[in-house]
């Protein structure tokens, strides 16, 4: 991850790019968009569990509310941001996905889901038009996660770039 942080777009650069495209929503602004105040009163562990269940059921907007709160409150911030990234990825908001994935990887780069996070980052970069960075991510995945499904997918994506 340090190599990725050194060689690829920084968090600040990413925020600048997203702001210029009008697609960046900082966490402090997200706080004000959470209208259901009853969620704020629930224990963060319960919100997180509910978020995972809702995510699995593809109820993304409801899951997003819960993961946003758990991130703000500092409960499993790496995993919360990973799920926020996955929600953005599956709803085709690729710039947002890149932001959340980078934040998650920066918080905990040894997570069990890191290969999927990197793959979805690469696909998001490709879909956003940044094929050079996407290629670098795909190559990293193929090199470091041999034998995993993500490496096989990355290899296929590299052939098509």
Protein backbone atom coordinates (compact mmCIF):
# COMPACT_ATOMS: atom_id res chain seq x y z
CA UNK A 1 0.00 0.00 0.00
CA UNK A 2 2.89 2.36 0.74
CA UNK A 3 4.10 1.73 -2.81
CA UNK A 4 0.63 2.55 -4.11
CA UNK A 5 0.48 5.71 -1.99
CA UNK A 6 3.94 6.77 -3.19
CA UNK A 7 3.34 6.09 -6.88
CA UNK A 8 -0.29 6.95 -7.39
CA UNK A 9 -2.69 9.79 -6.75
CA UNK A 10 -2.59 11.13 -3.19
CA UNK A 11 -5.69 11.56 -1.05
CA UNK A 12 -5.40 15.33 -1.41
CA UNK A 13 -5.02 15.10 -5.19
CA UNK A 14 -8.00 12.77 -5.36
CA UNK A 15 -10.12 15.16 -3.30
CA UNK A 16 -9.09 18.04 -5.59
CA UNK A 17 -10.05 16.04 -8.69
CA UNK A 18 -13.36 14.94 -7.21
CA UNK A 19 -14.15 18.48 -6.03
CA UNK A 20 -13.43 19.83 -9.52
CA UNK A 21 -15.87 17.29 -10.95
CA UNK A 22 -18.39 18.11 -8.23
CA UNK A 23 -18.46 14.50 -7.01
CA UNK A 24 -16.59 14.68 -3.73
CA UNK A 25 -18.63 14.66 -0.54
CA UNK A 26 -16.56 15.11 2.60
CA UNK A 27 -17.56 13.12 5.68
CA UNK A 28 -18.56 16.26 7.59
CA UNK A 29 -21.16 17.04 4.93
CA UNK A 30 -22.39 13.46 5.03
CA UNK A 31 -23.19 13.93 8.71
CA UNK A 32 -25.86 16.46 7.82
CA UNK A 33 -27.44 14.19 5.19
CA UNK A 34 -28.33 11.49 7.70
CA UNK A 35 -31.95 12.30 8.36
CA UNK A 36 -32.88 9.31 10.49
CA UNK A 37 -31.75 10.46 13.93
CA UNK A 38 -32.91 7.21 15.52
CA UNK A 39 -29.92 5.58 13.82
CA UNK A 40 -27.59 7.93 15.70
CA UNK A 41 -28.85 6.53 19.02
CA UNK A 42 -28.18 2.88 18.16
CA UNK A 43 -24.96 1.20 19.29
CA UNK A 44 -22.32 1.35 16.56
CA UNK A 45 -21.81 -2.42 16.61
CA UNK A 46 -25.52 -2.90 15.84
CA UNK A 47 -25.42 -0.28 13.07
CA UNK A 48 -22.41 -2.01 11.53
CA UNK A 49 -24.10 -5.45 11.64
CA UNK A 50 -27.28 -3.99 10.13
CA UNK A 51 -25.19 -2.29 7.45
CA UNK A 52 -23.57 -5.58 6.46
CA UNK A 53 -26.94 -7.35 6.31
CA UNK A 54 -28.45 -4.55 4.21
CA UNK A 55 -25.40 -4.54 1.91
CA UNK A 56 -25.76 -8.29 1.31
CA UNK A 57 -29.44 -7.70 0.46
CA UNK A 58 -28.34 -4.92 -1.97
CA UNK A 59 -30.24 -2.29 0.00
CA UNK A 60 -27.39 0.11 -0.59
CA UNK A 61 -28.86 3.46 0.46
CA UNK A 62 -29.93 2.08 3.84
CA UNK A 63 -26.56 0.37 4.33
CA UNK A 64 -24.72 3.56 3.35
CA UNK A 65 -26.43 5.51 6.16
CA UNK A 66 -25.25 2.98 8.72
CA UNK A 67 -21.67 2.75 7.44
CA UNK A 68 -21.41 6.53 7.27
CA UNK A 69 -22.36 6.75 10.95
CA UNK A 70 -19.96 3.96 11.97
CA UNK A 71 -17.16 5.70 10.07
CA UNK A 72 -17.92 9.07 11.67
CA UNK A 73 -18.02 7.46 15.12
CA UNK A 74 -14.77 5.57 14.46
CA UNK A 75 -16.23 2.07 14.64
CA UNK A 76 -14.37 -0.25 12.26
CA UNK A 77 -13.43 2.70 10.03
CA UNK A 78 -11.42 0.65 7.52
CA UNK A 79 -14.22 -1.87 6.99
CA UNK A 80 -16.89 0.86 7.04
CA UNK A 81 -15.05 2.73 4.28
CA UNK A 82 -14.56 -0.51 2.35
CA UNK A 83 -18.32 -1.09 2.40
CA UNK A 84 -18.97 2.55 1.45
CA UNK A 85 -16.57 2.00 -1.47
CA UNK A 86 -18.34 -1.21 -2.46
CA UNK A 87 -21.70 0.58 -2.36
CA UNK A 88 -20.32 3.36 -4.59
CA UNK A 89 -18.74 0.75 -6.90
CA UNK A 90 -21.95 -1.27 -7.30
CA UNK A 91 -23.98 1.90 -7.89
CA UNK A 92 -21.44 2.98 -10.56
CA UNK A 93 -20.20 6.03 -8.63
CA UNK A 94 -16.60 5.18 -9.44
CA UNK A 95 -14.93 8.39 -8.24
CA UNK A 96 -16.58 7.98 -4.84
CA UNK A 97 -15.55 4.31 -4.77
CA UNK A 98 -11.91 5.26 -5.37
CA UNK A 99 -12.07 7.76 -2.50
CA UNK A 100 -13.51 5.27 0.00
CA UNK A 101 -11.23 2.43 -1.10
CA UNK A 102 -8.15 4.63 -0.70
CA UNK A 103 -9.30 5.71 2.75
CA UNK A 104 -9.96 2.10 3.78
CA UNK A 105 -6.60 0.83 2.50
CA UNK A 106 -4.84 3.72 4.25
CA UNK A 107 -6.45 2.74 7.55
CA UNK A 108 -5.75 -1.00 7.38
CA UNK A 109 -3.84 -2.47 4.46
CA UNK A 110 -3.74 -6.03 5.88
CA UNK A 111 -7.49 -6.61 5.70
CA UNK A 112 -8.73 -9.93 4.35
CA UNK A 113 -10.62 -8.11 1.58
CA UNK A 114 -7.63 -6.02 0.36
CA UNK A 115 -7.28 -7.92 -2.94
CA UNK A 116 -10.94 -7.24 -3.80
CA UNK A 117 -10.54 -3.61 -2.70
CA UNK A 118 -7.54 -3.21 -5.04
CA UNK A 119 -9.38 -4.94 -7.90
CA UNK A 120 -12.44 -2.74 -7.51
CA UNK A 121 -10.17 0.31 -7.28
CA UNK A 122 -8.54 -0.72 -10.56
CA UNK A 123 -11.89 -1.26 -12.27
CA UNK A 124 -13.14 2.09 -10.91
CA UNK A 125 -10.01 3.81 -12.24
CA UNK A 126 -10.53 2.17 -15.63
CA UNK A 127 -14.21 3.17 -15.72
CA UNK A 128 -13.21 6.72 -14.74
CA UNK A 129 -10.84 6.85 -17.71
CA UNK A 130 -7.52 6.50 -15.87
CA UNK A 131 -6.28 3.44 -17.72
CA UNK A 132 -2.60 3.96 -16.78
CA UNK A 133 -3.30 3.77 -13.05
CA UNK A 134 -5.78 0.95 -13.60
CA UNK A 135 -3.04 -1.01 -15.39
CA UNK A 136 -0.63 -0.46 -12.48
CA UNK A 137 -3.23 -1.73 -10.00
CA UNK A 138 -4.04 -4.78 -12.14
CA UNK A 139 -0.32 -5.61 -12.41
CA UNK A 140 0.08 -5.24 -8.64
CA UNK A 141 -2.83 -7.62 -8.01
CA UNK A 142 -1.53 -10.24 -10.48
CA UNK A 143 1.93 -10.06 -8.89
CA UNK A 144 0.90 -10.08 -5.22
CA UNK A 145 -2.28 -12.16 -5.06
CA UNK A 146 -1.54 -15.18 -7.27
CA UNK A 147 -4.05 -17.97 -6.91
CA UNK A 148 -6.87 -15.64 -5.86
CA UNK A 149 -9.94 -14.95 -7.98
CA UNK A 150 -9.05 -11.23 -8.01
CA UNK A 151 -5.68 -12.02 -9.67
CA UNK A 152 -7.39 -14.08 -12.36
CA UNK A 153 -9.85 -11.24 -13.05
CA UNK A 154 -7.03 -8.66 -13.04
CA UNK A 155 -5.09 -10.75 -15.58
CA UNK A 156 -8.14 -10.83 -17.88
CA UNK A 157 -8.66 -7.08 -17.48
CA UNK A 158 -4.99 -6.45 -18.35
CA UNK A 159 -5.40 -8.33 -21.64
CA UNK A 160 -8.30 -6.05 -22.58
CA UNK A 161 -6.57 -2.76 -21.69
